[in-house]
Amino acid sequence: MTQSQSIALKVATVLWVIWGLVHFFAGVMTVTQDAMPAASAILDGVDPALFEIEVPAELGAIINQHGWNLAWFGLVTIVGGVYIWRGNTTAIWVTALVGGLADVGYFLFLDLPGHVNFVPGTIMTLVSASAIILSFWVWLMPGRTADSRA
């Protein structure tokens, strides 16, 4: 592996760890809050007055399930980042699938319709996209060691 490839994987790792920490802590905060404050925090581009309603426990359960997903997405990308740092291409794929597909859903259902602000949500989508691009650039380039093709 060339020095530029190694640097690219280290930068991708840092991006994935940042993305993972943000999502892990967002998940924990979502699960530990009441449903409407959690939903209001996620949908930060929407008028907070819309969230001043009583919600059934079932809606709270859905929001908690979303928080659980945020947390495990974050943990997987943090662990994947450690393996990406070491040049493991399996980790490149798994981390891109978990973090990338999580952000596709975010982009399609929250970002495009305008339910969220640019910071922090859209920034995190750009962070994960950058990590994917850097990692895949290394994966596609010649000069990887046999170990990095695992």
C-alpha atoms as a PDB file:
ATOM      1  CA  MET A   1       0.000   0.000   0.000  1.00  0.00           C
ATOM      2  CA  THR A   2       1.332   3.418  -0.911  1.00  0.00           C
ATOM      3  CA  GLN A   3       1.730   6.203   1.605  1.00  0.00           C
ATOM      4  CA  SER A   4      -1.141   8.164   0.028  1.00  0.00           C
ATOM      5  CA  GLN A   5      -3.407   5.117   0.286  1.00  0.00           C
ATOM      6  CA  SER A   6      -2.460   4.654   3.929  1.00  0.00           C
ATOM      7  CA  ILE A   7      -3.168   8.322   4.642  1.00  0.00           C
ATOM      8  CA  ALA A   8      -6.514   8.090   2.829  1.00  0.00           C
ATOM      9  CA  LEU A   9      -7.548   5.140   5.026  1.00  0.00           C
ATOM     10  CA  LYS A  10      -6.499   6.991   8.166  1.00  0.00           C
ATOM     11  CA  VAL A  11      -8.532  10.049   7.141  1.00  0.00           C
ATOM     12  CA  ALA A  12     -11.494   7.772   6.337  1.00  0.00           C
ATOM     13  CA  THR A  13     -11.110   6.219   9.783  1.00  0.00           C
ATOM     14  CA  VAL A  14     -11.207   9.615  11.480  1.00  0.00           C
ATOM     15  CA  LEU A  15     -14.318  10.534   9.477  1.00  0.00           C
ATOM     16  CA  TRP A  16     -16.055   7.250  10.361  1.00  0.00           C
ATOM     17  CA  VAL A  17     -15.186   7.581  14.044  1.00  0.00           C
ATOM     18  CA  ILE A  18     -16.574  11.131  14.122  1.00  0.00           C
ATOM     19  CA  TRP A  19     -19.709   9.955  12.286  1.00  0.00           C
ATOM     20  CA  GLY A  20     -20.005   6.989  14.629  1.00  0.00           C
ATOM     21  CA  LEU A  21     -19.636   9.034  17.802  1.00  0.00           C
ATOM     22  CA  VAL A  22     -22.218  11.585  16.664  1.00  0.00           C
ATOM     23  CA  HIS A  23     -24.706   8.849  15.812  1.00  0.00           C
ATOM     24  CA  PHE A  24     -24.015   6.769  18.917  1.00  0.00           C
ATOM     25  CA  PHE A  25     -24.584   9.740  21.214  1.00  0.00           C
ATOM     26  CA  ALA A  26     -27.633  10.863  19.202  1.00  0.00           C
ATOM     27  CA  GLY A  27     -29.045   7.363  19.637  1.00  0.00           C
ATOM     28  CA  VAL A  28     -28.425   7.378  23.380  1.00  0.00           C
ATOM     29  CA  MET A  29     -30.005  10.826  23.700  1.00  0.00           C
ATOM     30  CA  THR A  30     -33.011   9.729  21.637  1.00  0.00           C
ATOM     31  CA  VAL A  31     -33.648   6.647  23.769  1.00  0.00           C
ATOM     32  CA  THR A  32     -33.210   8.480  27.081  1.00  0.00           C
ATOM     33  CA  GLN A  33     -35.541  11.401  26.259  1.00  0.00           C
ATOM     34  CA  ASP A  34     -39.294  11.554  25.981  1.00  0.00           C
ATOM     35  CA  ALA A  35     -40.588  10.967  22.460  1.00  0.00           C
ATOM     36  CA  MET A  36     -41.440  14.512  21.436  1.00  0.00           C
ATOM     37  CA  PRO A  37     -38.260  16.259  22.621  1.00  0.00           C
ATOM     38  CA  ALA A  38     -36.277  13.498  20.894  1.00  0.00           C
ATOM     39  CA  ALA A  39     -38.253  13.908  17.661  1.00  0.00           C
ATOM     40  CA  SER A  40     -37.874  17.687  17.854  1.00  0.00           C
ATOM     41  CA  ALA A  41     -34.094  17.323  18.249  1.00  0.00           C
ATOM     42  CA  ILE A  42     -33.921  15.049  15.200  1.00  0.00           C
ATOM     43  CA  LEU A  43     -36.240  17.195  13.081  1.00  0.00           C
ATOM     44  CA  ASP A  44     -34.445  20.442  13.890  1.00  0.00           C
ATOM     45  CA  GLY A  45     -35.671  22.146  10.711  1.00  0.00           C
ATOM     46  CA  VAL A  46     -39.322  21.880  11.787  1.00  0.00           C
ATOM     47  CA  ASP A  47     -41.228  24.324  14.019  1.00  0.00           C
ATOM     48  CA  PRO A  48     -40.782  23.038  17.617  1.00  0.00           C
ATOM     49  CA  ALA A  49     -44.405  23.995  18.394  1.00  0.00           C
ATOM     50  CA  LEU A  50     -45.505  20.997  16.307  1.00  0.00           C
ATOM     51  CA  PHE A  51     -44.001  18.722  18.961  1.00  0.00           C
ATOM     52  CA  GLU A  52     -45.981  20.106  21.899  1.00  0.00           C
ATOM     53  CA  ILE A  53     -48.501  17.270  21.797  1.00  0.00           C
ATOM     54  CA  GLU A  54     -49.249  14.170  23.801  1.00  0.00           C
ATOM     55  CA  VAL A  55     -48.165  11.058  21.931  1.00  0.00           C
ATOM     56  CA  PRO A  56     -49.169   7.454  22.365  1.00  0.00           C
ATOM     57  CA  ALA A  57     -46.626   5.056  23.862  1.00  0.00           C
ATOM     58  CA  GLU A  58     -46.446   3.257  20.511  1.00  0.00           C
ATOM     59  CA  LEU A  59     -45.023   6.357  18.807  1.00  0.00           C
ATOM     60  CA  GLY A  60     -42.503   6.673  21.617  1.00  0.00           C
ATOM     61  CA  ALA A  61     -41.504   3.067  20.964  1.00  0.00           C
ATOM     62  CA  ILE A  62     -40.881   3.840  17.292  1.00  0.00           C
ATOM     63  CA  ILE A  63     -38.710   6.812  18.220  1.00  0.00           C
ATOM     64  CA  ASN A  64     -36.783   4.675  20.732  1.00  0.00           C
ATOM     65  CA  GLN A  65     -36.258   2.028  18.044  1.00  0.00           C
ATOM     66  CA  HIS A  66     -34.841   4.778  15.804  1.00  0.00           C
ATOM     67  CA  GLY A  67     -32.512   5.809  18.630  1.00  0.00           C
ATOM     68  CA  TRP A  68     -31.384   2.201  19.065  1.00  0.00           C
ATOM     69  CA  ASN A  69     -30.570   2.052  15.333  1.00  0.00           C
ATOM     70  CA  LEU A  70     -28.615   5.308  15.517  1.00  0.00           C
ATOM     71  CA  ALA A  71     -26.576   3.926  18.405  1.00  0.00           C
ATOM     72  CA  TRP A  72     -25.682   0.611  16.791  1.00  0.00           C
ATOM     73  CA  PHE A  73     -24.957   2.249  13.418  1.00  0.00           C
ATOM     74  CA  GLY A  74     -22.534   4.479  15.295  1.00  0.00           C
ATOM     75  CA  LEU A  75     -20.851   1.621  17.140  1.00  0.00           C
ATOM     76  CA  VAL A  76     -20.411  -0.437  13.973  1.00  0.00           C
ATOM     77  CA  THR A  77     -18.790   2.464  12.131  1.00  0.00           C
ATOM     78  CA  ILE A  78     -16.437   3.166  15.045  1.00  0.00           C
ATOM     79  CA  VAL A  79     -15.307  -0.473  15.122  1.00  0.00           C
ATOM     80  CA  GLY A  80     -15.152  -0.536  11.314  1.00  0.00           C
ATOM     81  CA  GLY A  81     -12.988   2.565  11.380  1.00  0.00           C
ATOM     82  CA  VAL A  82     -10.418   0.792  13.552  1.00  0.00           C
ATOM     83  CA  TYR A  83     -10.192  -2.020  11.006  1.00  0.00           C
ATOM     84  CA  ILE A  84     -10.100   0.413   8.083  1.00  0.00           C
ATOM     85  CA  TRP A  85      -7.106   2.096   9.755  1.00  0.00           C
ATOM     86  CA  ARG A  86      -5.398  -1.298   9.507  1.00  0.00           C
ATOM     87  CA  GLY A  87      -6.255  -1.605   5.790  1.00  0.00           C
ATOM     88  CA  ASN A  88      -8.959  -4.254   6.051  1.00  0.00           C
ATOM     89  CA  THR A  89     -11.128  -4.075   2.916  1.00  0.00           C
ATOM     90  CA  THR A  90     -13.916  -6.133   4.459  1.00  0.00           C
ATOM     91  CA  ALA A  91     -14.266  -3.343   7.019  1.00  0.00           C
ATOM     92  CA  ILE A  92     -14.360  -0.791   4.203  1.00  0.00           C
ATOM     93  CA  TRP A  93     -17.378  -2.571   2.714  1.00  0.00           C
ATOM     94  CA  VAL A  94     -19.222  -3.301   5.967  1.00  0.00           C
ATOM     95  CA  THR A  95     -18.728   0.208   7.313  1.00  0.00           C
ATOM     96  CA  ALA A  96     -19.789   1.773   4.015  1.00  0.00           C
ATOM     97  CA  LEU A  97     -22.904  -0.401   3.927  1.00  0.00           C
ATOM     98  CA  VAL A  98     -23.963   0.381   7.496  1.00  0.00           C
ATOM     99  CA  GLY A  99     -23.073   4.082   7.619  1.00  0.00           C
ATOM    100  CA  GLY A 100     -23.779   4.768   3.965  1.00  0.00           C
ATOM    101  CA  LEU A 101     -27.199   3.136   3.860  1.00  0.00           C
ATOM    102  CA  ALA A 102     -28.166   4.801   7.135  1.00  0.00           C
ATOM    103  CA  ASP A 103     -27.351   8.149   5.563  1.00  0.00           C
ATOM    104  CA  VAL A 104     -29.203   7.354   2.329  1.00  0.00           C
ATOM    105  CA  GLY A 105     -32.388   6.972   4.383  1.00  0.00           C
ATOM    106  CA  TYR A 106     -31.643  10.177   6.252  1.00  0.00           C
ATOM    107  CA  PHE A 107     -30.985  12.055   3.019  1.00  0.00           C
ATOM    108  CA  LEU A 108     -34.126  10.776   1.264  1.00  0.00           C
ATOM    109  CA  PHE A 109     -36.642  11.125   4.079  1.00  0.00           C
ATOM    110  CA  LEU A 110     -35.339  13.977   6.214  1.00  0.00           C
ATOM    111  CA  ASP A 111     -32.846  16.085   4.288  1.00  0.00           C
ATOM    112  CA  LEU A 112     -34.447  16.346   0.840  1.00  0.00           C
ATOM    113  CA  PRO A 113     -37.903  17.277   2.181  1.00  0.00           C
ATOM    114  CA  GLY A 114     -36.290  20.007   4.335  1.00  0.00           C
ATOM    115  CA  HIS A 115     -37.139  18.608   7.793  1.00  0.00           C
ATOM    116  CA  VAL A 116     -33.610  19.127   9.117  1.00  0.00           C
ATOM    117  CA  ASN A 117     -30.979  21.844   9.173  1.00  0.00           C
ATOM    118  CA  PHE A 118     -27.702  21.633   7.278  1.00  0.00           C
ATOM    119  CA  VAL A 119     -25.729  21.397  10.539  1.00  0.00           C
ATOM    120  CA  PRO A 120     -25.316  18.777  11.926  1.00  0.00           C
ATOM    121  CA  GLY A 121     -27.323  16.364   9.756  1.00  0.00           C
ATOM    122  CA  THR A 122     -26.278  17.154   6.210  1.00  0.00           C
ATOM    123  CA  ILE A 123     -22.695  17.653   7.379  1.00  0.00           C
ATOM    124  CA  MET A 124     -22.721  14.079   8.730  1.00  0.00           C
ATOM    125  CA  THR A 125     -23.965  12.817   5.358  1.00  0.00           C
ATOM    126  CA  LEU A 126     -21.046  14.595   3.699  1.00  0.00           C
ATOM    127  CA  VAL A 127     -18.673  13.091   6.285  1.00  0.00           C
ATOM    128  CA  SER A 128     -19.850   9.540   5.562  1.00  0.00           C
ATOM    129  CA  ALA A 129     -19.785  10.126   1.787  1.00  0.00           C
ATOM    130  CA  SER A 130     -16.209  11.408   2.060  1.00  0.00           C
ATOM    131  CA  ALA A 131     -15.170   8.372   4.115  1.00  0.00           C
ATOM    132  CA  ILE A 132     -16.742   6.051   1.542  1.00  0.00           C
ATOM    133  CA  ILE A 133     -15.052   7.815  -1.381  1.00  0.00           C
ATOM    134  CA  LEU A 134     -11.620   7.761   0.290  1.00  0.00           C
ATOM    135  CA  SER A 135     -11.936   4.111   1.306  1.00  0.00           C
ATOM    136  CA  PHE A 136     -13.180   2.939  -2.066  1.00  0.00           C
ATOM    137  CA  TRP A 137     -10.430   4.920  -3.819  1.00  0.00           C
ATOM    138  CA  VAL A 138      -7.891   2.833  -1.887  1.00  0.00           C
ATOM    139  CA  TRP A 139      -9.828  -0.378  -2.535  1.00  0.00           C
ATOM    140  CA  LEU A 140      -9.934   0.271  -6.276  1.00  0.00           C
ATOM    141  CA  MET A 141      -6.276   1.290  -6.644  1.00  0.00           C
ATOM    142  CA  PRO A 142      -3.529  -1.179  -7.478  1.00  0.00           C
ATOM    143  CA  GLY A 143      -0.808  -1.770  -4.939  1.00  0.00           C
ATOM    144  CA  ARG A 144      -2.862  -3.131  -2.076  1.00  0.00           C
ATOM    145  CA  THR A 145      -1.155  -5.842  -0.083  1.00  0.00           C
ATOM    146  CA  ALA A 146      -2.582  -9.353   0.075  1.00  0.00           C
ATOM    147  CA  ASP A 147      -3.548  -8.641   3.679  1.00  0.00           C
ATOM    148  CA  SER A 148      -5.616  -5.615   2.709  1.00  0.00           C
ATOM    149  CA  ARG A 149      -7.697  -7.698   0.307  1.00  0.00           C
ATOM    150  CA  ALA A 150      -9.143  -9.762   3.164  1.00  0.00           C
END
